[in-house]
Amino acid sequence: MIFMVKGNATVSRVDLFEYARPEMAVLRVEPDNPILYAPGQSMEVAKVNGADTLDARFFTPTWVTEKGCESLSPGPNQELEFIIALRGHVSAKLVAANPGERVQVGEPSGKFTRASYKPKPDDTLVYVSTGTGQTQNLLAYHDLMNGHRGNVVVVVSGFNSFGHPYHELHNDIQDTRANYRYIPLTTGVDRPDFYHTLIQDLFDGNGFHFTQLTGIELDPTNTQVILRGNPSMILGSESGQPNLDPEDRGMVQLLEAQGFQKGVNIHYENRFPKYSGRR
């Protein structure tokens, strides 16, 4: 599935909206000329001042969302939406933009898209991520909009609820889609309606806690797990990240112990050079 967005664009609004949290802003832009992007890709966005382009950074695009899943499908004339954390000078410049100002949206990049794995129609799809989870959200929405019959589960972990800007939207979709589950995790002290645990703890012990929360068994014969985010979450000590105990396990190791296999039913963007995939 390919979505239509814009190359060069005009800022339409910058604000917090009903699904966002404090410390996060929503940048919405109106398109000039459509370009194509696929869920899983990101785009470089820069504020434009006359002929000069200011510093840019990559963001995962989404689109203007309404209550209910059917309205999540983008059209060629819809605004493009980016979630921006209010930190860093590039983000500050974008958030300070006024309606009518110009921004430059670069070509989409990233090869880890929905085409990277091909589940069966009744497979359970488990999307696991750190951060805001925007890429995983788009991939999950793609499955729901295209009539995937199996369960679709999104697990997102942030330090606190600020890292879950679409929390209410996920809950709305759960109310209308019987095969959709959303599990918001935090690693900091936070709201009672968020689960205070690490991603790895949720899936340890043959996925006992995951099954408790969702009612879904982690079965390698009919489950695909898609991982995105912090390399230590994905690969543990094998990611080469500093300050990790050699015994620290990532999701790959936990799932392999339960019969899952990389490239078969464990999928992630292989951008960690130290890890060779050997066992």
C-alpha atoms as a PDB file:
ATOM      1  CA  MET A   1       0.000   0.000   0.000  1.00  0.00           C
ATOM      2  CA  ILE A   2       1.397   3.408  -1.015  1.00  0.00           C
ATOM      3  CA  PHE A   3       0.283   6.674   0.562  1.00  0.00           C
ATOM      4  CA  MET A   4       0.145  10.070  -1.157  1.00  0.00           C
ATOM      5  CA  VAL A   5       1.942  13.000   0.465  1.00  0.00           C
ATOM      6  CA  LYS A   6       3.650  16.190  -0.637  1.00  0.00           C
ATOM      7  CA  GLY A   7       7.196  17.161  -1.514  1.00  0.00           C
ATOM      8  CA  ASN A   8       7.342  20.905  -0.817  1.00  0.00           C
ATOM      9  CA  ALA A   9       4.599  22.036   1.518  1.00  0.00           C
ATOM     10  CA  THR A  10       3.016  24.938   3.379  1.00  0.00           C
ATOM     11  CA  VAL A  11       2.463  24.901   7.125  1.00  0.00           C
ATOM     12  CA  SER A  12      -1.225  24.795   7.916  1.00  0.00           C
ATOM     13  CA  ARG A  13      -0.999  24.627  11.707  1.00  0.00           C
ATOM     14  CA  VAL A  14       1.300  23.770  14.597  1.00  0.00           C
ATOM     15  CA  ASP A  15      -0.398  22.869  17.838  1.00  0.00           C
ATOM     16  CA  LEU A  16      -1.318  20.228  20.330  1.00  0.00           C
ATOM     17  CA  PHE A  17      -4.351  18.255  19.320  1.00  0.00           C
ATOM     18  CA  GLU A  18      -6.729  15.952  21.145  1.00  0.00           C
ATOM     19  CA  TYR A  19      -4.589  12.832  20.871  1.00  0.00           C
ATOM     20  CA  ALA A  20      -1.299  14.536  21.799  1.00  0.00           C
ATOM     21  CA  ARG A  21       0.348  14.957  25.174  1.00  0.00           C
ATOM     22  CA  PRO A  22       2.137  17.978  26.649  1.00  0.00           C
ATOM     23  CA  GLU A  23       5.759  18.254  25.482  1.00  0.00           C
ATOM     24  CA  MET A  24       4.726  17.113  22.011  1.00  0.00           C
ATOM     25  CA  ALA A  25       3.461  19.141  19.081  1.00  0.00           C
ATOM     26  CA  VAL A  26       1.766  18.338  15.819  1.00  0.00           C
ATOM     27  CA  LEU A  27       3.074  19.886  12.620  1.00  0.00           C
ATOM     28  CA  ARG A  28       0.547  19.785   9.807  1.00  0.00           C
ATOM     29  CA  VAL A  29       1.452  20.822   6.296  1.00  0.00           C
ATOM     30  CA  GLU A  30      -0.467  21.150   3.050  1.00  0.00           C
ATOM     31  CA  PRO A  31       1.101  19.536  -0.026  1.00  0.00           C
ATOM     32  CA  ASP A  32       2.298  21.012  -3.279  1.00  0.00           C
ATOM     33  CA  ASN A  33       3.234  18.085  -5.495  1.00  0.00           C
ATOM     34  CA  PRO A  34       2.453  14.529  -4.392  1.00  0.00           C
ATOM     35  CA  ILE A  35       5.208  12.003  -3.794  1.00  0.00           C
ATOM     36  CA  LEU A  36       4.862   8.373  -2.745  1.00  0.00           C
ATOM     37  CA  TYR A  37       5.798   6.825   0.573  1.00  0.00           C
ATOM     38  CA  ALA A  38       5.189   3.487   2.209  1.00  0.00           C
ATOM     39  CA  PRO A  39       4.504   2.763   5.898  1.00  0.00           C
ATOM     40  CA  GLY A  40       7.868   2.253   7.556  1.00  0.00           C
ATOM     41  CA  GLN A  41       9.615   5.094   5.769  1.00  0.00           C
ATOM     42  CA  SER A  42      10.629   8.478   7.186  1.00  0.00           C
ATOM     43  CA  MET A  43      11.181  11.900   5.640  1.00  0.00           C
ATOM     44  CA  GLU A  44      13.567  14.756   6.264  1.00  0.00           C
ATOM     45  CA  VAL A  45      11.714  17.956   7.159  1.00  0.00           C
ATOM     46  CA  ALA A  46      13.250  21.430   7.187  1.00  0.00           C
ATOM     47  CA  LYS A  47      11.904  24.929   7.663  1.00  0.00           C
ATOM     48  CA  VAL A  48      12.484  27.133   4.632  1.00  0.00           C
ATOM     49  CA  ASN A  49      13.499  30.794   4.872  1.00  0.00           C
ATOM     50  CA  GLY A  50      13.457  32.350   1.430  1.00  0.00           C
ATOM     51  CA  ALA A  51      15.846  30.331  -0.708  1.00  0.00           C
ATOM     52  CA  ASP A  52      17.663  28.898   2.312  1.00  0.00           C
ATOM     53  CA  THR A  53      16.768  25.614   3.952  1.00  0.00           C
ATOM     54  CA  LEU A  54      17.440  25.422   7.668  1.00  0.00           C
ATOM     55  CA  ASP A  55      18.693  22.368   9.547  1.00  0.00           C
ATOM     56  CA  ALA A  56      16.569  19.311   8.965  1.00  0.00           C
ATOM     57  CA  ARG A  57      15.828  16.061  10.728  1.00  0.00           C
ATOM     58  CA  PHE A  58      13.906  12.903   9.926  1.00  0.00           C
ATOM     59  CA  PHE A  59      10.343  12.321  11.086  1.00  0.00           C
ATOM     60  CA  THR A  60       7.891   9.522  10.480  1.00  0.00           C
ATOM     61  CA  PRO A  61       4.887  10.885   8.589  1.00  0.00           C
ATOM     62  CA  THR A  62       1.354  10.180   9.611  1.00  0.00           C
ATOM     63  CA  TRP A  63      -1.824  11.927   8.542  1.00  0.00           C
ATOM     64  CA  VAL A  64      -4.704  13.882  10.033  1.00  0.00           C
ATOM     65  CA  THR A  65      -6.664  11.367  12.083  1.00  0.00           C
ATOM     66  CA  GLU A  66     -10.300  11.203  13.065  1.00  0.00           C
ATOM     67  CA  LYS A  67     -12.078   8.929  15.499  1.00  0.00           C
ATOM     68  CA  GLY A  68     -12.399   5.425  14.123  1.00  0.00           C
ATOM     69  CA  CYS A  69     -10.152   3.395  11.883  1.00  0.00           C
ATOM     70  CA  GLU A  70     -11.980   3.923   8.587  1.00  0.00           C
ATOM     71  CA  SER A  71     -10.949   7.587   8.531  1.00  0.00           C
ATOM     72  CA  LEU A  72      -7.242   6.769   8.884  1.00  0.00           C
ATOM     73  CA  SER A  73      -6.748   6.239   5.169  1.00  0.00           C
ATOM     74  CA  PRO A  74      -5.003   9.249   3.610  1.00  0.00           C
ATOM     75  CA  GLY A  75      -6.176  10.915   0.440  1.00  0.00           C
ATOM     76  CA  PRO A  76      -4.227  12.992  -2.086  1.00  0.00           C
ATOM     77  CA  ASN A  77      -5.471  16.314  -0.675  1.00  0.00           C
ATOM     78  CA  GLN A  78      -5.102  15.588   3.029  1.00  0.00           C
ATOM     79  CA  GLU A  79      -2.642  17.396   5.235  1.00  0.00           C
ATOM     80  CA  LEU A  80       0.520  15.586   6.164  1.00  0.00           C
ATOM     81  CA  GLU A  81       1.124  15.276   9.882  1.00  0.00           C
ATOM     82  CA  PHE A  82       4.329  14.908  11.922  1.00  0.00           C
ATOM     83  CA  ILE A  83       4.588  14.379  15.681  1.00  0.00           C
ATOM     84  CA  ILE A  84       7.436  16.497  17.061  1.00  0.00           C
ATOM     85  CA  ALA A  85       8.920  16.207  20.536  1.00  0.00           C
ATOM     86  CA  LEU A  86       9.650  19.665  21.939  1.00  0.00           C
ATOM     87  CA  ARG A  87      13.411  19.281  22.249  1.00  0.00           C
ATOM     88  CA  GLY A  88      16.372  20.164  20.041  1.00  0.00           C
ATOM     89  CA  HIS A  89      16.926  23.249  17.878  1.00  0.00           C
ATOM     90  CA  VAL A  90      15.561  21.718  14.663  1.00  0.00           C
ATOM     91  CA  SER A  91      12.307  20.699  16.334  1.00  0.00           C
ATOM     92  CA  ALA A  92      12.074  24.132  17.983  1.00  0.00           C
ATOM     93  CA  LYS A  93      12.336  25.874  14.607  1.00  0.00           C
ATOM     94  CA  LEU A  94       9.645  23.692  13.077  1.00  0.00           C
ATOM     95  CA  VAL A  95       7.301  24.126  16.021  1.00  0.00           C
ATOM     96  CA  ALA A  96       7.840  27.897  15.862  1.00  0.00           C
ATOM     97  CA  ALA A  97       6.633  28.015  12.242  1.00  0.00           C
ATOM     98  CA  ASN A  98       3.492  30.008  11.505  1.00  0.00           C
ATOM     99  CA  PRO A  99       0.668  29.011   9.163  1.00  0.00           C
ATOM    100  CA  GLY A 100       1.613  29.949   5.620  1.00  0.00           C
ATOM    101  CA  GLU A 101       5.358  29.439   6.089  1.00  0.00           C
ATOM    102  CA  ARG A 102       7.146  26.997   3.834  1.00  0.00           C
ATOM    103  CA  VAL A 103       8.757  23.713   4.788  1.00  0.00           C
ATOM    104  CA  GLN A 104      10.767  21.333   2.687  1.00  0.00           C
ATOM    105  CA  VAL A 105       9.802  17.655   2.847  1.00  0.00           C
ATOM    106  CA  GLY A 106      12.479  15.352   1.483  1.00  0.00           C
ATOM    107  CA  GLU A 107      12.181  12.097  -0.384  1.00  0.00           C
ATOM    108  CA  PRO A 108      11.012   9.134   1.714  1.00  0.00           C
ATOM    109  CA  SER A 109      13.755   6.808   2.888  1.00  0.00           C
ATOM    110  CA  GLY A 110      13.949   3.465   4.641  1.00  0.00           C
ATOM    111  CA  LYS A 111      13.689  -0.076   3.304  1.00  0.00           C
ATOM    112  CA  PHE A 112      11.968  -1.739   6.277  1.00  0.00           C
ATOM    113  CA  THR A 113       8.381  -1.449   5.066  1.00  0.00           C
ATOM    114  CA  ARG A 114       5.309  -3.658   4.901  1.00  0.00           C
ATOM    115  CA  ALA A 115       6.911  -5.435   1.936  1.00  0.00           C
ATOM    116  CA  SER A 116       9.665  -6.709   4.282  1.00  0.00           C
ATOM    117  CA  TYR A 117       7.422  -9.474   5.637  1.00  0.00           C
ATOM    118  CA  LYS A 118       4.473 -11.352   4.189  1.00  0.00           C
ATOM    119  CA  PRO A 119       2.128 -12.791   6.816  1.00  0.00           C
ATOM    120  CA  LYS A 120      -0.766 -15.111   6.124  1.00  0.00           C
ATOM    121  CA  PRO A 121      -4.250 -13.544   6.350  1.00  0.00           C
ATOM    122  CA  ASP A 122      -4.997 -15.197   9.711  1.00  0.00           C
ATOM    123  CA  ASP A 123      -1.581 -14.694  11.348  1.00  0.00           C
ATOM    124  CA  THR A 124      -1.291 -12.746  14.584  1.00  0.00           C
ATOM    125  CA  LEU A 125       0.804  -9.626  13.964  1.00  0.00           C
ATOM    126  CA  VAL A 126       2.606  -8.169  16.988  1.00  0.00           C
ATOM    127  CA  TYR A 127       4.172  -4.727  16.486  1.00  0.00           C
ATOM    128  CA  VAL A 128       6.653  -3.857  19.237  1.00  0.00           C
ATOM    129  CA  SER A 129       8.429  -0.499  19.500  1.00  0.00           C
ATOM    130  CA  THR A 130      10.005   2.097  21.759  1.00  0.00           C
ATOM    131  CA  GLY A 131       9.353   5.833  21.414  1.00  0.00           C
ATOM    132  CA  THR A 132       6.078   7.112  19.957  1.00  0.00           C
ATOM    133  CA  GLY A 133       5.687   4.004  17.804  1.00  0.00           C
ATOM    134  CA  GLN A 134       4.571   5.950  14.753  1.00  0.00           C
ATOM    135  CA  THR A 135       6.122   3.570  12.226  1.00  0.00           C
ATOM    136  CA  GLN A 136       4.533   0.564  13.903  1.00  0.00           C
ATOM    137  CA  ASN A 137       1.212   2.401  14.107  1.00  0.00           C
ATOM    138  CA  LEU A 138       1.195   2.973  10.357  1.00  0.00           C
ATOM    139  CA  LEU A 139       2.044  -0.644   9.645  1.00  0.00           C
ATOM    140  CA  ALA A 140      -0.719  -1.836  11.972  1.00  0.00           C
ATOM    141  CA  TYR A 141      -3.230   0.596  10.454  1.00  0.00           C
ATOM    142  CA  HIS A 142      -2.252  -0.719   7.018  1.00  0.00           C
ATOM    143  CA  ASP A 143      -3.226  -4.232   8.117  1.00  0.00           C
ATOM    144  CA  LEU A 144      -6.529  -3.120   9.629  1.00  0.00           C
ATOM    145  CA  MET A 145      -7.498  -1.050   6.607  1.00  0.00           C
ATOM    146  CA  ASN A 146      -6.696  -3.921   4.272  1.00  0.00           C
ATOM    147  CA  GLY A 147      -8.854  -6.418   6.091  1.00  0.00           C
ATOM    148  CA  HIS A 148      -6.276  -8.549   7.914  1.00  0.00           C
ATOM    149  CA  ARG A 149      -8.292 -11.315   9.595  1.00  0.00           C
ATOM    150  CA  GLY A 150      -5.838 -12.275  12.347  1.00  0.00           C
ATOM    151  CA  ASN A 151      -5.104 -10.385  15.532  1.00  0.00           C
ATOM    152  CA  VAL A 152      -3.153  -7.132  15.285  1.00  0.00           C
ATOM    153  CA  VAL A 153      -1.353  -6.078  18.484  1.00  0.00           C
ATOM    154  CA  VAL A 154       0.601  -2.845  19.038  1.00  0.00           C
ATOM    155  CA  VAL A 155       2.987  -2.681  22.016  1.00  0.00           C
ATOM    156  CA  VAL A 156       4.564   0.741  22.553  1.00  0.00           C
ATOM    157  CA  SER A 157       6.979   1.630  25.367  1.00  0.00           C
ATOM    158  CA  GLY A 158       7.877   5.178  26.418  1.00  0.00           C
ATOM    159  CA  PHE A 159       9.296   6.692  29.602  1.00  0.00           C
ATOM    160  CA  ASN A 160       5.911   8.177  30.427  1.00  0.00           C
ATOM    161  CA  SER A 161       2.563   8.909  28.792  1.00  0.00           C
ATOM    162  CA  PHE A 162       4.066  11.844  26.857  1.00  0.00           C
ATOM    163  CA  GLY A 163       5.532   9.190  24.575  1.00  0.00           C
ATOM    164  CA  HIS A 164       2.073   7.917  23.629  1.00  0.00           C
ATOM    165  CA  PRO A 165       0.523  10.773  21.618  1.00  0.00           C
ATOM    166  CA  TYR A 166      -2.127   8.533  20.027  1.00  0.00           C
ATOM    167  CA  HIS A 167      -3.236   6.761  23.201  1.00  0.00           C
ATOM    168  CA  GLU A 168      -6.906   7.725  22.889  1.00  0.00           C
ATOM    169  CA  LEU A 169      -6.965   6.924  19.186  1.00  0.00           C
ATOM    170  CA  HIS A 170      -5.685   3.405  19.887  1.00  0.00           C
ATOM    171  CA  ASN A 171      -8.450   2.968  22.448  1.00  0.00           C
ATOM    172  CA  ASP A 172     -11.026   4.192  19.942  1.00  0.00           C
ATOM    173  CA  ILE A 173      -9.856   1.627  17.394  1.00  0.00           C
ATOM    174  CA  GLN A 174     -10.031  -1.146  19.998  1.00  0.00           C
ATOM    175  CA  ASP A 175     -13.704  -0.246  20.495  1.00  0.00           C
ATOM    176  CA  THR A 176     -14.457  -0.781  16.801  1.00  0.00           C
ATOM    177  CA  ARG A 177     -12.059  -3.584  15.836  1.00  0.00           C
ATOM    178  CA  ALA A 178     -12.423  -6.905  17.625  1.00  0.00           C
ATOM    179  CA  ASN A 179      -9.043  -8.139  16.344  1.00  0.00           C
ATOM    180  CA  TYR A 180      -7.043  -5.131  17.571  1.00  0.00           C
ATOM    181  CA  ARG A 181      -5.143  -4.848  20.857  1.00  0.00           C
ATOM    182  CA  TYR A 182      -3.072  -1.945  22.185  1.00  0.00           C
ATOM    183  CA  ILE A 183      -0.640  -2.250  25.108  1.00  0.00           C
ATOM    184  CA  PRO A 184       0.923   1.047  26.305  1.00  0.00           C
ATOM    185  CA  LEU A 185       4.004   0.545  28.484  1.00  0.00           C
ATOM    186  CA  THR A 186       5.993   3.044  30.538  1.00  0.00           C
ATOM    187  CA  THR A 187       9.334   2.725  32.292  1.00  0.00           C
ATOM    188  CA  GLY A 188       8.759   5.770  34.509  1.00  0.00           C
ATOM    189  CA  VAL A 189       6.235   6.465  37.263  1.00  0.00           C
ATOM    190  CA  ASP A 190       3.067   7.359  35.447  1.00  0.00           C
ATOM    191  CA  ARG A 191      -0.678   6.955  34.957  1.00  0.00           C
ATOM    192  CA  PRO A 192      -2.525   3.917  36.295  1.00  0.00           C
ATOM    193  CA  ASP A 193      -3.953   3.051  32.863  1.00  0.00           C
ATOM    194  CA  PHE A 194      -0.443   2.409  31.505  1.00  0.00           C
ATOM    195  CA  TYR A 195       1.510  -0.760  32.260  1.00  0.00           C
ATOM    196  CA  HIS A 196       4.706  -0.071  34.170  1.00  0.00           C
ATOM    197  CA  THR A 197       7.105  -2.696  32.829  1.00  0.00           C
ATOM    198  CA  LEU A 198       9.840  -3.326  30.275  1.00  0.00           C
ATOM    199  CA  ILE A 199       8.961  -4.777  26.901  1.00  0.00           C
ATOM    200  CA  GLN A 200      11.195  -7.786  27.541  1.00  0.00           C
ATOM    201  CA  ASP A 201       9.394  -8.544  30.812  1.00  0.00           C
ATOM    202  CA  LEU A 202       6.084  -8.595  28.968  1.00  0.00           C
ATOM    203  CA  PHE A 203       7.320 -11.343  26.645  1.00  0.00           C
ATOM    204  CA  ASP A 204       9.530 -13.327  29.029  1.00  0.00           C
ATOM    205  CA  GLY A 205       8.379 -16.682  30.415  1.00  0.00           C
ATOM    206  CA  ASN A 206       6.850 -17.837  27.111  1.00  0.00           C
ATOM    207  CA  GLY A 207       4.900 -14.592  26.859  1.00  0.00           C
ATOM    208  CA  PHE A 208       2.870 -15.244  30.025  1.00  0.00           C
ATOM    209  CA  HIS A 209       2.131 -11.572  30.761  1.00  0.00           C
ATOM    210  CA  PHE A 210       1.443 -10.800  27.090  1.00  0.00           C
ATOM    211  CA  THR A 211      -1.141 -13.581  26.993  1.00  0.00           C
ATOM    212  CA  GLN A 212      -2.671 -12.394  30.265  1.00  0.00           C
ATOM    213  CA  LEU A 213      -3.228  -8.912  28.845  1.00  0.00           C
ATOM    214  CA  THR A 214      -4.396  -9.881  25.367  1.00  0.00           C
ATOM    215  CA  GLY A 215      -5.786 -13.396  25.599  1.00  0.00           C
ATOM    216  CA  ILE A 216      -3.527 -14.270  22.672  1.00  0.00           C
ATOM    217  CA  GLU A 217      -0.973 -17.081  22.750  1.00  0.00           C
ATOM    218  CA  LEU A 218       2.479 -16.452  21.253  1.00  0.00           C
ATOM    219  CA  ASP A 219       2.575 -19.338  18.777  1.00  0.00           C
ATOM    220  CA  PRO A 220       5.489 -19.402  16.298  1.00  0.00           C
ATOM    221  CA  THR A 221       3.339 -21.256  13.760  1.00  0.00           C
ATOM    222  CA  ASN A 222       0.894 -18.365  13.345  1.00  0.00           C
ATOM    223  CA  THR A 223       2.532 -15.263  14.846  1.00  0.00           C
ATOM    224  CA  GLN A 224       4.759 -12.613  13.258  1.00  0.00           C
ATOM    225  CA  VAL A 225       6.627 -10.199  15.554  1.00  0.00           C
ATOM    226  CA  ILE A 226       7.858  -6.899  14.085  1.00  0.00           C
ATOM    227  CA  LEU A 227      10.402  -4.977  16.178  1.00  0.00           C
ATOM    228  CA  ARG A 228      11.401  -1.328  15.906  1.00  0.00           C
ATOM    229  CA  GLY A 229      13.270   1.077  18.155  1.00  0.00           C
ATOM    230  CA  ASN A 230      16.020   0.861  20.747  1.00  0.00           C
ATOM    231  CA  PRO A 231      18.678  -1.677  19.665  1.00  0.00           C
ATOM    232  CA  SER A 232      19.097  -2.935  23.235  1.00  0.00           C
ATOM    233  CA  MET A 233      15.378  -3.790  23.313  1.00  0.00           C
ATOM    234  CA  ILE A 234      15.732  -5.725  20.069  1.00  0.00           C
ATOM    235  CA  LEU A 235      19.106  -7.431  20.556  1.00  0.00           C
ATOM    236  CA  GLY A 236      20.068  -6.931  24.192  1.00  0.00           C
ATOM    237  CA  SER A 237      23.811  -7.106  24.859  1.00  0.00           C
ATOM    238  CA  GLU A 238      24.414  -8.319  21.283  1.00  0.00           C
ATOM    239  CA  SER A 239      23.443  -4.868  20.001  1.00  0.00           C
ATOM    240  CA  GLY A 240      26.811  -3.484  21.129  1.00  0.00           C
ATOM    241  CA  GLN A 241      25.138  -0.733  23.141  1.00  0.00           C
ATOM    242  CA  PRO A 242      27.193   0.533  26.126  1.00  0.00           C
ATOM    243  CA  ASN A 243      26.504  -0.204  29.786  1.00  0.00           C
ATOM    244  CA  LEU A 244      24.675  -3.476  29.180  1.00  0.00           C
ATOM    245  CA  ASP A 245      25.262  -6.636  31.169  1.00  0.00           C
ATOM    246  CA  PRO A 246      26.397  -9.561  28.965  1.00  0.00           C
ATOM    247  CA  GLU A 247      23.354 -11.472  30.203  1.00  0.00           C
ATOM    248  CA  ASP A 248      20.892  -8.783  29.111  1.00  0.00           C
ATOM    249  CA  ARG A 249      18.551 -10.299  26.557  1.00  0.00           C
ATOM    250  CA  GLY A 250      16.655  -8.516  23.851  1.00  0.00           C
ATOM    251  CA  MET A 251      13.398  -9.462  22.205  1.00  0.00           C
ATOM    252  CA  VAL A 252      15.174 -11.536  19.565  1.00  0.00           C
ATOM    253  CA  GLN A 253      16.769 -13.783  22.168  1.00  0.00           C
ATOM    254  CA  LEU A 254      13.546 -14.106  24.177  1.00  0.00           C
ATOM    255  CA  LEU A 255      11.536 -15.032  21.105  1.00  0.00           C
ATOM    256  CA  GLU A 256      14.153 -17.451  19.804  1.00  0.00           C
ATOM    257  CA  ALA A 257      13.930 -19.307  23.120  1.00  0.00           C
ATOM    258  CA  GLN A 258      10.202 -19.732  22.389  1.00  0.00           C
ATOM    259  CA  GLY A 259      10.752 -21.192  18.916  1.00  0.00           C
ATOM    260  CA  PHE A 260      10.666 -18.031  16.788  1.00  0.00           C
ATOM    261  CA  GLN A 261      13.276 -17.448  14.072  1.00  0.00           C
ATOM    262  CA  LYS A 262      14.849 -14.320  12.588  1.00  0.00           C
ATOM    263  CA  GLY A 263      13.630 -13.671   9.061  1.00  0.00           C
ATOM    264  CA  VAL A 264      10.806 -16.194   9.445  1.00  0.00           C
ATOM    265  CA  ASN A 265       8.595 -14.778  12.204  1.00  0.00           C
ATOM    266  CA  ILE A 266      10.929 -12.204  13.817  1.00  0.00           C
ATOM    267  CA  HIS A 267      11.424  -9.086  11.713  1.00  0.00           C
ATOM    268  CA  TYR A 268      13.469  -5.947  12.353  1.00  0.00           C
ATOM    269  CA  GLU A 269      15.569  -3.479  10.415  1.00  0.00           C
ATOM    270  CA  ASN A 270      19.080  -4.942  10.420  1.00  0.00           C
ATOM    271  CA  ARG A 271      20.991  -1.717  11.010  1.00  0.00           C
ATOM    272  CA  PHE A 272      23.158  -2.834  13.927  1.00  0.00           C
ATOM    273  CA  PRO A 273      26.567  -3.628  12.378  1.00  0.00           C
ATOM    274  CA  LYS A 274      28.040  -5.431  15.380  1.00  0.00           C
ATOM    275  CA  TYR A 275      25.353  -8.105  15.290  1.00  0.00           C
ATOM    276  CA  SER A 276      26.056 -10.762  12.643  1.00  0.00           C
ATOM    277  CA  GLY A 277      22.971 -12.873  13.268  1.00  0.00           C
ATOM    278  CA  ARG A 278      25.022 -15.903  14.366  1.00  0.00           C
ATOM    279  CA  ARG A 279      23.808 -18.003  17.294  1.00  0.00           C
END
